[in-house]
């Protein structure tokens, strides 16, 4: 999971960069609810309800996380830390095929 950060100077965007937030379910849709709570909807895995946090938290061994497909986080971030907490996970029942 990554966040696109815009750096502004005098009301102009001067730089774009991606901030890694941690490992999460592969999302096909993302919806910001309120107060830092985000819903990650997934077609291929379990959907998650997460809360964004300012201080990193450790990945739990029992967390429902997926590999980032070889993408390395920036050097100032720890690969075992997330900037979000999983509030709830919703089991994927799909695909449901009706014949």
C-alpha atoms as a PDB file:
ATOM      1  CA  UNK A   1       0.000   0.000   0.000  1.00  0.00           C
ATOM      2  CA  UNK A   2       1.408   3.375  -0.989  1.00  0.00           C
ATOM      3  CA  UNK A   3       0.359   6.993  -0.685  1.00  0.00           C
ATOM      4  CA  UNK A   4       1.004   9.579  -3.395  1.00  0.00           C
ATOM      5  CA  UNK A   5       2.484  12.695  -1.802  1.00  0.00           C
ATOM      6  CA  UNK A   6       2.543  16.063  -3.556  1.00  0.00           C
ATOM      7  CA  UNK A   7       5.175  18.639  -2.648  1.00  0.00           C
ATOM      8  CA  UNK A   8       3.982  22.192  -3.226  1.00  0.00           C
ATOM      9  CA  UNK A   9       5.786  25.495  -3.464  1.00  0.00           C
ATOM     10  CA  UNK A  10       3.934  28.772  -4.067  1.00  0.00           C
ATOM     11  CA  UNK A  11       0.704  26.980  -5.029  1.00  0.00           C
ATOM     12  CA  UNK A  12       2.480  24.818  -7.610  1.00  0.00           C
ATOM     13  CA  UNK A  13       3.274  21.122  -7.389  1.00  0.00           C
ATOM     14  CA  UNK A  14       7.048  20.750  -7.662  1.00  0.00           C
ATOM     15  CA  UNK A  15       7.483  17.089  -6.780  1.00  0.00           C
ATOM     16  CA  UNK A  16       5.537  13.824  -6.663  1.00  0.00           C
ATOM     17  CA  UNK A  17       6.680  10.811  -4.670  1.00  0.00           C
ATOM     18  CA  UNK A  18       5.224   7.542  -3.382  1.00  0.00           C
ATOM     19  CA  UNK A  19       5.313   6.899   0.358  1.00  0.00           C
ATOM     20  CA  UNK A  20       5.122   3.196   1.255  1.00  0.00           C
ATOM     21  CA  UNK A  21       2.629   2.548   4.053  1.00  0.00           C
ATOM     22  CA  UNK A  22       3.108  -1.223   4.394  1.00  0.00           C
ATOM     23  CA  UNK A  23       1.794  -4.511   3.077  1.00  0.00           C
ATOM     24  CA  UNK A  24      -1.940  -5.033   2.671  1.00  0.00           C
ATOM     25  CA  UNK A  25      -4.422  -7.046   0.643  1.00  0.00           C
ATOM     26  CA  UNK A  26      -4.273  -6.484  -3.115  1.00  0.00           C
ATOM     27  CA  UNK A  27      -6.979  -3.840  -3.485  1.00  0.00           C
ATOM     28  CA  UNK A  28      -9.225  -3.400  -6.512  1.00  0.00           C
ATOM     29  CA  UNK A  29     -10.964  -0.444  -4.846  1.00  0.00           C
ATOM     30  CA  UNK A  30     -10.113   1.928  -2.014  1.00  0.00           C
ATOM     31  CA  UNK A  31     -12.635   4.029  -0.092  1.00  0.00           C
ATOM     32  CA  UNK A  32     -11.713   6.573   2.584  1.00  0.00           C
ATOM     33  CA  UNK A  33     -14.417   6.388   5.277  1.00  0.00           C
ATOM     34  CA  UNK A  34     -13.496   8.981   7.956  1.00  0.00           C
ATOM     35  CA  UNK A  35     -10.955   9.692  10.723  1.00  0.00           C
ATOM     36  CA  UNK A  36      -8.164   7.763   8.998  1.00  0.00           C
ATOM     37  CA  UNK A  37     -10.293   4.647   8.370  1.00  0.00           C
ATOM     38  CA  UNK A  38      -9.947   3.151   4.882  1.00  0.00           C
ATOM     39  CA  UNK A  39     -11.738   0.213   3.221  1.00  0.00           C
ATOM     40  CA  UNK A  40      -9.590  -1.896   0.857  1.00  0.00           C
ATOM     41  CA  UNK A  41     -11.841  -3.988  -1.398  1.00  0.00           C
ATOM     42  CA  UNK A  42     -10.204  -6.955  -3.093  1.00  0.00           C
ATOM     43  CA  UNK A  43     -11.374  -9.286  -5.866  1.00  0.00           C
ATOM     44  CA  UNK A  44      -8.556 -11.781  -5.358  1.00  0.00           C
ATOM     45  CA  UNK A  45      -8.147 -11.821  -1.570  1.00  0.00           C
ATOM     46  CA  UNK A  46      -9.853 -10.799   1.628  1.00  0.00           C
ATOM     47  CA  UNK A  47     -11.049  -7.190   1.863  1.00  0.00           C
ATOM     48  CA  UNK A  48      -9.773  -5.155   4.813  1.00  0.00           C
ATOM     49  CA  UNK A  49     -10.844  -2.225   6.934  1.00  0.00           C
ATOM     50  CA  UNK A  50      -7.717  -0.387   8.107  1.00  0.00           C
ATOM     51  CA  UNK A  51      -6.852   2.662  10.218  1.00  0.00           C
ATOM     52  CA  UNK A  52      -3.963   4.883   9.109  1.00  0.00           C
ATOM     53  CA  UNK A  53      -1.542   5.768  11.927  1.00  0.00           C
ATOM     54  CA  UNK A  54       1.321   8.262  12.196  1.00  0.00           C
ATOM     55  CA  UNK A  55       3.719   5.957  14.042  1.00  0.00           C
ATOM     56  CA  UNK A  56       4.663   2.589  12.487  1.00  0.00           C
ATOM     57  CA  UNK A  57       3.350  -0.645  14.007  1.00  0.00           C
ATOM     58  CA  UNK A  58       4.925  -4.092  13.610  1.00  0.00           C
ATOM     59  CA  UNK A  59       3.467  -6.650  11.219  1.00  0.00           C
ATOM     60  CA  UNK A  60       1.899  -9.530  13.124  1.00  0.00           C
ATOM     61  CA  UNK A  61       2.759 -13.076  12.055  1.00  0.00           C
ATOM     62  CA  UNK A  62      -0.962 -13.810  11.976  1.00  0.00           C
ATOM     63  CA  UNK A  63      -1.770 -10.734   9.843  1.00  0.00           C
ATOM     64  CA  UNK A  64      -3.511 -11.295   6.529  1.00  0.00           C
ATOM     65  CA  UNK A  65      -0.834  -9.731   4.343  1.00  0.00           C
ATOM     66  CA  UNK A  66       0.382 -10.341   0.804  1.00  0.00           C
ATOM     67  CA  UNK A  67       3.811  -9.962  -0.788  1.00  0.00           C
ATOM     68  CA  UNK A  68       4.555  -6.600  -2.431  1.00  0.00           C
ATOM     69  CA  UNK A  69       5.784  -8.475  -5.541  1.00  0.00           C
ATOM     70  CA  UNK A  70       9.430  -7.574  -5.106  1.00  0.00           C
ATOM     71  CA  UNK A  71       8.940  -3.827  -4.738  1.00  0.00           C
ATOM     72  CA  UNK A  72      11.361  -2.542  -2.107  1.00  0.00           C
ATOM     73  CA  UNK A  73      10.239   0.181   0.331  1.00  0.00           C
ATOM     74  CA  UNK A  74      12.284   3.355   0.664  1.00  0.00           C
ATOM     75  CA  UNK A  75      15.387   3.057   2.818  1.00  0.00           C
ATOM     76  CA  UNK A  76      14.035   5.198   5.681  1.00  0.00           C
ATOM     77  CA  UNK A  77      11.104   2.770   6.150  1.00  0.00           C
ATOM     78  CA  UNK A  78      11.372  -0.591   7.895  1.00  0.00           C
ATOM     79  CA  UNK A  79      10.012  -3.457   5.759  1.00  0.00           C
ATOM     80  CA  UNK A  80       8.466  -5.101   8.852  1.00  0.00           C
ATOM     81  CA  UNK A  81       6.482  -2.021   9.828  1.00  0.00           C
ATOM     82  CA  UNK A  82       3.105  -0.712   8.656  1.00  0.00           C
ATOM     83  CA  UNK A  83       1.640   2.764   8.922  1.00  0.00           C
ATOM     84  CA  UNK A  84      -1.816   1.272   9.391  1.00  0.00           C
ATOM     85  CA  UNK A  85      -3.628  -1.186  11.656  1.00  0.00           C
ATOM     86  CA  UNK A  86      -6.047  -3.810  10.345  1.00  0.00           C
ATOM     87  CA  UNK A  87      -9.383  -3.212  12.071  1.00  0.00           C
ATOM     88  CA  UNK A  88     -11.275  -6.044  10.371  1.00  0.00           C
ATOM     89  CA  UNK A  89     -10.933  -8.469   7.501  1.00  0.00           C
ATOM     90  CA  UNK A  90     -13.792  -9.711   5.315  1.00  0.00           C
ATOM     91  CA  UNK A  91     -13.511 -13.169   3.743  1.00  0.00           C
ATOM     92  CA  UNK A  92     -13.603 -13.219  -0.051  1.00  0.00           C
ATOM     93  CA  UNK A  93     -16.445 -15.461  -1.243  1.00  0.00           C
ATOM     94  CA  UNK A  94     -15.861 -14.972  -4.953  1.00  0.00           C
ATOM     95  CA  UNK A  95     -15.936 -15.599  -7.683  1.00  0.00           C
ATOM     96  CA  UNK A  96     -19.569 -16.635  -7.549  1.00  0.00           C
ATOM     97  CA  UNK A  97     -20.595 -18.107 -10.891  1.00  0.00           C
ATOM     98  CA  UNK A  98     -24.278 -18.584 -11.697  1.00  0.00           C
ATOM     99  CA  UNK A  99     -24.907 -21.143 -14.431  1.00  0.00           C
END
